[in-house]
Amino acid sequence: MTDTPILYSFRRCPYAMRARLALLACGPVVELREIVLKDKAPEFLAVSPSTTVPCLVLSDGTVIDESLDIMVWALEQNDPNKWLEPEEGSRTAMMELIAENDGPFKRHLDRYKYDTRYEGANKLEEREGASRFLRKLDAQLSSSGWLFGARASLADYAILPFVRQFANSGRDWFESEPWEHLITWLVRFEKLYEFSAMMPKFDKWEAGNAPVFFGKS
């Protein structure tokens, strides 16, 4: 095994995006291996129990195969911006909100964005189902601009990539809705250095390629 952890990732996947955000925030450099979802590298399939990105392989061979677990692992090593210590609320409350994002909201999002893939999915009904969660976020953002206080926390960066995916499925409609705090939150995220730093285009990884390193040294 290499001394540098290996992150199997896919640039546009919101799960992989939030893992990269955490790694970028806390500092460990990883070897990034870009996976093409329609043609997954056999080396990736050999280590990932779920065969989904992101997947982090530590230097001792430990595999962390869930995006939120990668975020928490990275931040528990080093959390300079106190993402795990929200200014308001608690870590438990953050995890509950993230679970709502990863569960009901993500289900509606998939059936809204990819309605033709799901038998019986009604695009407008799924959009409305997802919007109930977004209105909840908008109300929570109204007091301080971030979900758990006046600075960003784990919840913000775990949820924002999915809200962005929803917004980009119909941006004109999204920006016409009366959730101004939500729109401001998303636009602020898209203008951050951290967003551009974790979104460069990577070539498909294949065995034998020169390593691509990602993160802060």
C-alpha atoms as a PDB file:
ATOM      1  CA  MET A   1       0.000   0.000   0.000  1.00  0.00           C
ATOM      2  CA  THR A   2       1.043   3.576  -0.657  1.00  0.00           C
ATOM      3  CA  ASP A   3       1.493   5.923   2.320  1.00  0.00           C
ATOM      4  CA  THR A   4      -0.925   8.337   0.675  1.00  0.00           C
ATOM      5  CA  PRO A   5      -4.639   7.506   1.065  1.00  0.00           C
ATOM      6  CA  ILE A   6      -6.437   6.789  -2.211  1.00  0.00           C
ATOM      7  CA  LEU A   7      -9.772   8.427  -3.003  1.00  0.00           C
ATOM      8  CA  TYR A   8     -11.855   6.898  -5.767  1.00  0.00           C
ATOM      9  CA  SER A   9     -14.133   9.690  -6.941  1.00  0.00           C
ATOM     10  CA  PHE A  10     -16.352  10.984  -9.733  1.00  0.00           C
ATOM     11  CA  ARG A  11     -16.326  14.723 -10.312  1.00  0.00           C
ATOM     12  CA  ARG A  12     -20.082  15.367 -10.629  1.00  0.00           C
ATOM     13  CA  CYS A  13     -21.355  12.918  -8.016  1.00  0.00           C
ATOM     14  CA  PRO A  14     -22.712  14.904  -5.031  1.00  0.00           C
ATOM     15  CA  TYR A  15     -21.581  12.192  -2.621  1.00  0.00           C
ATOM     16  CA  ALA A  16     -18.041  12.400  -3.971  1.00  0.00           C
ATOM     17  CA  MET A  17     -18.227  16.205  -3.955  1.00  0.00           C
ATOM     18  CA  ARG A  18     -18.933  16.375  -0.259  1.00  0.00           C
ATOM     19  CA  ALA A  19     -16.129  13.934   0.508  1.00  0.00           C
ATOM     20  CA  ARG A  20     -13.692  16.080  -1.486  1.00  0.00           C
ATOM     21  CA  LEU A  21     -14.914  19.200   0.303  1.00  0.00           C
ATOM     22  CA  ALA A  22     -14.097  17.696   3.690  1.00  0.00           C
ATOM     23  CA  LEU A  23     -10.696  16.438   2.575  1.00  0.00           C
ATOM     24  CA  LEU A  24      -9.893  19.852   1.157  1.00  0.00           C
ATOM     25  CA  ALA A  25     -10.973  21.570   4.378  1.00  0.00           C
ATOM     26  CA  CYS A  26      -9.008  19.430   6.792  1.00  0.00           C
ATOM     27  CA  GLY A  27      -5.787  19.017   4.898  1.00  0.00           C
ATOM     28  CA  PRO A  28      -4.785  15.408   4.165  1.00  0.00           C
ATOM     29  CA  VAL A  29      -3.493  14.948   0.642  1.00  0.00           C
ATOM     30  CA  VAL A  30      -4.948  11.939  -1.168  1.00  0.00           C
ATOM     31  CA  GLU A  31      -4.260  10.284  -4.464  1.00  0.00           C
ATOM     32  CA  LEU A  32      -7.403  10.968  -6.471  1.00  0.00           C
ATOM     33  CA  ARG A  33      -8.507   8.320  -8.929  1.00  0.00           C
ATOM     34  CA  GLU A  34     -11.331   9.483 -11.194  1.00  0.00           C
ATOM     35  CA  ILE A  35     -13.802   6.694 -11.900  1.00  0.00           C
ATOM     36  CA  VAL A  36     -16.065   6.540 -14.945  1.00  0.00           C
ATOM     37  CA  LEU A  37     -19.329   5.118 -13.639  1.00  0.00           C
ATOM     38  CA  LYS A  38     -20.137   3.271 -16.859  1.00  0.00           C
ATOM     39  CA  ASP A  39     -16.680   1.706 -17.008  1.00  0.00           C
ATOM     40  CA  LYS A  40     -15.479   1.214 -13.440  1.00  0.00           C
ATOM     41  CA  ALA A  41     -11.844   0.290 -12.948  1.00  0.00           C
ATOM     42  CA  PRO A  42     -11.366  -3.288 -11.672  1.00  0.00           C
ATOM     43  CA  GLU A  43      -9.048  -2.005  -8.928  1.00  0.00           C
ATOM     44  CA  PHE A  44     -11.920   0.128  -7.630  1.00  0.00           C
ATOM     45  CA  LEU A  45     -14.405  -2.740  -7.792  1.00  0.00           C
ATOM     46  CA  ALA A  46     -11.967  -4.915  -5.847  1.00  0.00           C
ATOM     47  CA  VAL A  47     -11.872  -2.580  -2.831  1.00  0.00           C
ATOM     48  CA  SER A  48     -15.307  -0.925  -2.704  1.00  0.00           C
ATOM     49  CA  PRO A  49     -17.989  -3.074  -1.022  1.00  0.00           C
ATOM     50  CA  SER A  50     -20.749  -0.906  -2.499  1.00  0.00           C
ATOM     51  CA  THR A  51     -19.012  -0.351  -5.863  1.00  0.00           C
ATOM     52  CA  THR A  52     -20.067   3.303  -5.595  1.00  0.00           C
ATOM     53  CA  VAL A  53     -18.018   6.471  -5.218  1.00  0.00           C
ATOM     54  CA  PRO A  54     -16.565   7.916  -3.141  1.00  0.00           C
ATOM     55  CA  CYS A  55     -14.360   5.257  -1.621  1.00  0.00           C
ATOM     56  CA  LEU A  56     -11.340   6.087   0.518  1.00  0.00           C
ATOM     57  CA  VAL A  57      -8.564   3.544   1.027  1.00  0.00           C
ATOM     58  CA  LEU A  58      -6.245   4.422   3.900  1.00  0.00           C
ATOM     59  CA  SER A  59      -2.552   3.626   3.990  1.00  0.00           C
ATOM     60  CA  ASP A  60      -3.163   0.621   6.263  1.00  0.00           C
ATOM     61  CA  GLY A  61      -5.722  -0.830   3.854  1.00  0.00           C
ATOM     62  CA  THR A  62      -8.807   0.327   5.767  1.00  0.00           C
ATOM     63  CA  VAL A  63     -11.660   1.134   3.389  1.00  0.00           C
ATOM     64  CA  ILE A  64     -14.189   3.887   4.114  1.00  0.00           C
ATOM     65  CA  ASP A  65     -16.976   3.405   1.610  1.00  0.00           C
ATOM     66  CA  GLU A  66     -19.618   5.982   2.582  1.00  0.00           C
ATOM     67  CA  SER A  67     -19.300   9.684   1.807  1.00  0.00           C
ATOM     68  CA  LEU A  68     -20.493  10.919   5.191  1.00  0.00           C
ATOM     69  CA  ASP A  69     -18.124   8.519   6.959  1.00  0.00           C
ATOM     70  CA  ILE A  70     -15.266   9.932   4.856  1.00  0.00           C
ATOM     71  CA  MET A  71     -16.235  13.464   5.869  1.00  0.00           C
ATOM     72  CA  VAL A  72     -16.379  12.598   9.561  1.00  0.00           C
ATOM     73  CA  TRP A  73     -13.124  10.603   9.444  1.00  0.00           C
ATOM     74  CA  ALA A  74     -11.288  13.494   7.789  1.00  0.00           C
ATOM     75  CA  LEU A  75     -12.690  16.104  10.154  1.00  0.00           C
ATOM     76  CA  GLU A  76     -11.911  14.029  13.230  1.00  0.00           C
ATOM     77  CA  GLN A  77      -8.263  14.095  12.138  1.00  0.00           C
ATOM     78  CA  ASN A  78      -8.288  17.872  11.815  1.00  0.00           C
ATOM     79  CA  ASP A  79     -11.233  20.271  11.917  1.00  0.00           C
ATOM     80  CA  PRO A  80      -9.788  23.795  11.638  1.00  0.00           C
ATOM     81  CA  ASN A  81     -13.121  25.373  10.745  1.00  0.00           C
ATOM     82  CA  LYS A  82     -15.069  23.452  13.415  1.00  0.00           C
ATOM     83  CA  TRP A  83     -17.485  21.799  11.019  1.00  0.00           C
ATOM     84  CA  LEU A  84     -18.226  19.158  13.655  1.00  0.00           C
ATOM     85  CA  GLU A  85     -18.914  21.812  16.298  1.00  0.00           C
ATOM     86  CA  PRO A  86     -21.832  23.896  15.019  1.00  0.00           C
ATOM     87  CA  GLU A  87     -22.284  27.367  16.405  1.00  0.00           C
ATOM     88  CA  GLU A  88     -25.931  26.540  17.093  1.00  0.00           C
ATOM     89  CA  GLY A  89     -27.591  23.190  17.623  1.00  0.00           C
ATOM     90  CA  SER A  90     -25.666  19.948  18.000  1.00  0.00           C
ATOM     91  CA  ARG A  91     -23.825  17.292  16.048  1.00  0.00           C
ATOM     92  CA  THR A  92     -26.853  15.031  16.533  1.00  0.00           C
ATOM     93  CA  ALA A  93     -29.150  17.661  15.001  1.00  0.00           C
ATOM     94  CA  MET A  94     -26.789  18.019  12.024  1.00  0.00           C
ATOM     95  CA  MET A  95     -26.789  14.269  11.462  1.00  0.00           C
ATOM     96  CA  GLU A  96     -30.583  14.159  11.587  1.00  0.00           C
ATOM     97  CA  LEU A  97     -30.860  16.877   8.946  1.00  0.00           C
ATOM     98  CA  ILE A  98     -28.272  15.151   6.753  1.00  0.00           C
ATOM     99  CA  ALA A  99     -30.225  11.897   7.096  1.00  0.00           C
ATOM    100  CA  GLU A 100     -33.339  13.684   5.838  1.00  0.00           C
ATOM    101  CA  ASN A 101     -31.318  14.952   2.866  1.00  0.00           C
ATOM    102  CA  ASP A 102     -29.846  11.539   2.112  1.00  0.00           C
ATOM    103  CA  GLY A 103     -33.180   9.766   2.517  1.00  0.00           C
ATOM    104  CA  PRO A 104     -36.504  11.379   1.496  1.00  0.00           C
ATOM    105  CA  PHE A 105     -35.012  14.382  -0.311  1.00  0.00           C
ATOM    106  CA  LYS A 106     -32.561  12.323  -2.361  1.00  0.00           C
ATOM    107  CA  ARG A 107     -35.335   9.916  -3.327  1.00  0.00           C
ATOM    108  CA  HIS A 108     -37.468  12.790  -4.640  1.00  0.00           C
ATOM    109  CA  LEU A 109     -34.442  14.381  -6.317  1.00  0.00           C
ATOM    110  CA  ASP A 110     -33.602  11.223  -8.259  1.00  0.00           C
ATOM    111  CA  ARG A 111     -37.177  10.801  -9.435  1.00  0.00           C
ATOM    112  CA  TYR A 112     -37.395  14.455 -10.413  1.00  0.00           C
ATOM    113  CA  LYS A 113     -34.087  14.605 -12.274  1.00  0.00           C
ATOM    114  CA  TYR A 114     -34.280  11.119 -13.795  1.00  0.00           C
ATOM    115  CA  ASP A 115     -38.057  10.591 -13.929  1.00  0.00           C
ATOM    116  CA  THR A 116     -37.905   8.405 -17.048  1.00  0.00           C
ATOM    117  CA  ARG A 117     -35.791   5.864 -15.161  1.00  0.00           C
ATOM    118  CA  TYR A 118     -38.430   5.272 -12.480  1.00  0.00           C
ATOM    119  CA  GLU A 119     -41.691   3.625 -13.339  1.00  0.00           C
ATOM    120  CA  GLY A 120     -44.644   5.694 -12.182  1.00  0.00           C
ATOM    121  CA  ALA A 121     -42.560   8.744 -11.244  1.00  0.00           C
ATOM    122  CA  ASN A 122     -44.354  12.049 -11.780  1.00  0.00           C
ATOM    123  CA  LYS A 123     -41.799  14.812 -12.325  1.00  0.00           C
ATOM    124  CA  LEU A 124     -43.900  17.610 -10.853  1.00  0.00           C
ATOM    125  CA  GLU A 125     -44.984  15.559  -7.842  1.00  0.00           C
ATOM    126  CA  GLU A 126     -41.389  14.591  -7.135  1.00  0.00           C
ATOM    127  CA  ARG A 127     -40.294  18.218  -7.470  1.00  0.00           C
ATOM    128  CA  GLU A 128     -42.897  19.233  -4.920  1.00  0.00           C
ATOM    129  CA  GLY A 129     -41.824  16.416  -2.594  1.00  0.00           C
ATOM    130  CA  ALA A 130     -38.236  17.631  -2.743  1.00  0.00           C
ATOM    131  CA  SER A 131     -39.350  21.245  -2.319  1.00  0.00           C
ATOM    132  CA  ARG A 132     -40.828  20.523   1.097  1.00  0.00           C
ATOM    133  CA  PHE A 133     -37.329  19.824   2.382  1.00  0.00           C
ATOM    134  CA  LEU A 134     -35.937  22.887   0.594  1.00  0.00           C
ATOM    135  CA  ARG A 135     -38.518  25.138   2.216  1.00  0.00           C
ATOM    136  CA  LYS A 136     -37.456  23.721   5.579  1.00  0.00           C
ATOM    137  CA  LEU A 137     -33.831  24.569   4.780  1.00  0.00           C
ATOM    138  CA  ASP A 138     -34.808  28.068   3.673  1.00  0.00           C
ATOM    139  CA  ALA A 139     -36.541  28.689   6.994  1.00  0.00           C
ATOM    140  CA  GLN A 140     -33.532  27.377   8.918  1.00  0.00           C
ATOM    141  CA  LEU A 141     -31.185  29.594   6.895  1.00  0.00           C
ATOM    142  CA  SER A 142     -33.260  32.722   7.472  1.00  0.00           C
ATOM    143  CA  SER A 143     -31.824  33.576  10.887  1.00  0.00           C
ATOM    144  CA  SER A 144     -28.087  33.426  10.216  1.00  0.00           C
ATOM    145  CA  GLY A 145     -27.360  32.413   6.616  1.00  0.00           C
ATOM    146  CA  TRP A 146     -25.982  28.941   7.432  1.00  0.00           C
ATOM    147  CA  LEU A 147     -27.863  25.931   8.704  1.00  0.00           C
ATOM    148  CA  PHE A 148     -26.483  25.882  12.244  1.00  0.00           C
ATOM    149  CA  GLY A 149     -25.320  29.393  12.974  1.00  0.00           C
ATOM    150  CA  ALA A 150     -23.349  32.204  11.390  1.00  0.00           C
ATOM    151  CA  ARG A 151     -20.633  29.943   9.996  1.00  0.00           C
ATOM    152  CA  ALA A 152     -20.692  26.818   7.875  1.00  0.00           C
ATOM    153  CA  SER A 153     -20.820  23.382   9.443  1.00  0.00           C
ATOM    154  CA  LEU A 154     -20.761  19.751   8.376  1.00  0.00           C
ATOM    155  CA  ALA A 155     -24.474  19.940   7.564  1.00  0.00           C
ATOM    156  CA  ASP A 156     -24.015  22.756   5.054  1.00  0.00           C
ATOM    157  CA  TYR A 157     -21.286  21.020   3.085  1.00  0.00           C
ATOM    158  CA  ALA A 158     -22.932  17.605   3.281  1.00  0.00           C
ATOM    159  CA  ILE A 159     -26.214  18.951   1.868  1.00  0.00           C
ATOM    160  CA  LEU A 160     -25.183  21.718  -0.558  1.00  0.00           C
ATOM    161  CA  PRO A 161     -23.996  19.419  -3.391  1.00  0.00           C
ATOM    162  CA  PHE A 162     -27.446  17.803  -3.490  1.00  0.00           C
ATOM    163  CA  VAL A 163     -29.293  21.131  -3.450  1.00  0.00           C
ATOM    164  CA  ARG A 164     -27.050  22.242  -6.303  1.00  0.00           C
ATOM    165  CA  GLN A 165     -27.928  19.097  -8.257  1.00  0.00           C
ATOM    166  CA  PHE A 166     -31.624  19.789  -7.699  1.00  0.00           C
ATOM    167  CA  ALA A 167     -31.264  23.446  -8.699  1.00  0.00           C
ATOM    168  CA  ASN A 168     -29.397  22.600 -11.891  1.00  0.00           C
ATOM    169  CA  SER A 169     -32.211  20.272 -12.944  1.00  0.00           C
ATOM    170  CA  GLY A 170     -34.323  23.387 -13.550  1.00  0.00           C
ATOM    171  CA  ARG A 171     -32.371  26.500 -12.596  1.00  0.00           C
ATOM    172  CA  ASP A 172     -34.819  29.076 -13.939  1.00  0.00           C
ATOM    173  CA  TRP A 173     -37.680  27.532 -11.993  1.00  0.00           C
ATOM    174  CA  PHE A 174     -35.518  27.081  -8.895  1.00  0.00           C
ATOM    175  CA  GLU A 175     -34.475  30.727  -8.878  1.00  0.00           C
ATOM    176  CA  SER A 176     -38.074  31.881  -9.371  1.00  0.00           C
ATOM    177  CA  GLU A 177     -39.244  30.234  -6.143  1.00  0.00           C
ATOM    178  CA  PRO A 178     -39.660  32.315  -2.944  1.00  0.00           C
ATOM    179  CA  TRP A 179     -36.780  30.719  -1.039  1.00  0.00           C
ATOM    180  CA  GLU A 180     -34.366  33.632  -1.161  1.00  0.00           C
ATOM    181  CA  HIS A 181     -32.235  32.395   1.748  1.00  0.00           C
ATOM    182  CA  LEU A 182     -31.749  29.041   0.036  1.00  0.00           C
ATOM    183  CA  ILE A 183     -30.742  30.699  -3.249  1.00  0.00           C
ATOM    184  CA  THR A 184     -28.282  33.018  -1.476  1.00  0.00           C
ATOM    185  CA  TRP A 185     -26.788  30.032   0.366  1.00  0.00           C
ATOM    186  CA  LEU A 186     -26.299  28.064  -2.849  1.00  0.00           C
ATOM    187  CA  VAL A 187     -24.861  30.993  -4.832  1.00  0.00           C
ATOM    188  CA  ARG A 188     -22.441  31.776  -1.998  1.00  0.00           C
ATOM    189  CA  PHE A 189     -21.288  28.150  -2.046  1.00  0.00           C
ATOM    190  CA  GLU A 190     -20.719  28.206  -5.802  1.00  0.00           C
ATOM    191  CA  LYS A 191     -18.500  31.290  -5.445  1.00  0.00           C
ATOM    192  CA  LEU A 192     -16.291  29.847  -2.708  1.00  0.00           C
ATOM    193  CA  TYR A 193     -12.674  28.956  -3.364  1.00  0.00           C
ATOM    194  CA  GLU A 194     -13.432  25.512  -1.914  1.00  0.00           C
ATOM    195  CA  PHE A 195     -16.027  24.874  -4.607  1.00  0.00           C
ATOM    196  CA  SER A 196     -13.748  25.676  -7.527  1.00  0.00           C
ATOM    197  CA  ALA A 197     -10.822  23.897  -5.852  1.00  0.00           C
ATOM    198  CA  MET A 198     -12.700  20.622  -5.594  1.00  0.00           C
ATOM    199  CA  MET A 199     -14.234  20.746  -9.091  1.00  0.00           C
ATOM    200  CA  PRO A 200     -11.366  20.664 -11.617  1.00  0.00           C
ATOM    201  CA  LYS A 201     -11.765  18.131 -14.396  1.00  0.00           C
ATOM    202  CA  PHE A 202      -9.842  14.916 -13.924  1.00  0.00           C
ATOM    203  CA  ASP A 203      -8.959  12.343 -16.556  1.00  0.00           C
ATOM    204  CA  LYS A 204     -10.262   8.820 -16.130  1.00  0.00           C
ATOM    205  CA  TRP A 205      -7.897   6.845 -13.914  1.00  0.00           C
ATOM    206  CA  GLU A 206      -6.321   3.639 -15.173  1.00  0.00           C
ATOM    207  CA  ALA A 207      -3.655   1.469 -13.581  1.00  0.00           C
ATOM    208  CA  GLY A 208      -0.215   2.762 -14.471  1.00  0.00           C
ATOM    209  CA  ASN A 209      -1.259   6.408 -14.734  1.00  0.00           C
ATOM    210  CA  ALA A 210       0.861   8.999 -12.973  1.00  0.00           C
ATOM    211  CA  PRO A 211      -0.754   9.748  -9.613  1.00  0.00           C
ATOM    212  CA  VAL A 212      -2.972  12.821  -9.260  1.00  0.00           C
ATOM    213  CA  PHE A 213      -2.845  14.377  -5.805  1.00  0.00           C
ATOM    214  CA  PHE A 214      -5.729  16.277  -4.250  1.00  0.00           C
ATOM    215  CA  GLY A 215      -5.957  18.346  -1.076  1.00  0.00           C
ATOM    216  CA  LYS A 216      -3.867  20.737   0.953  1.00  0.00           C
ATOM    217  CA  SER A 217      -0.295  19.774   1.789  1.00  0.00           C
END
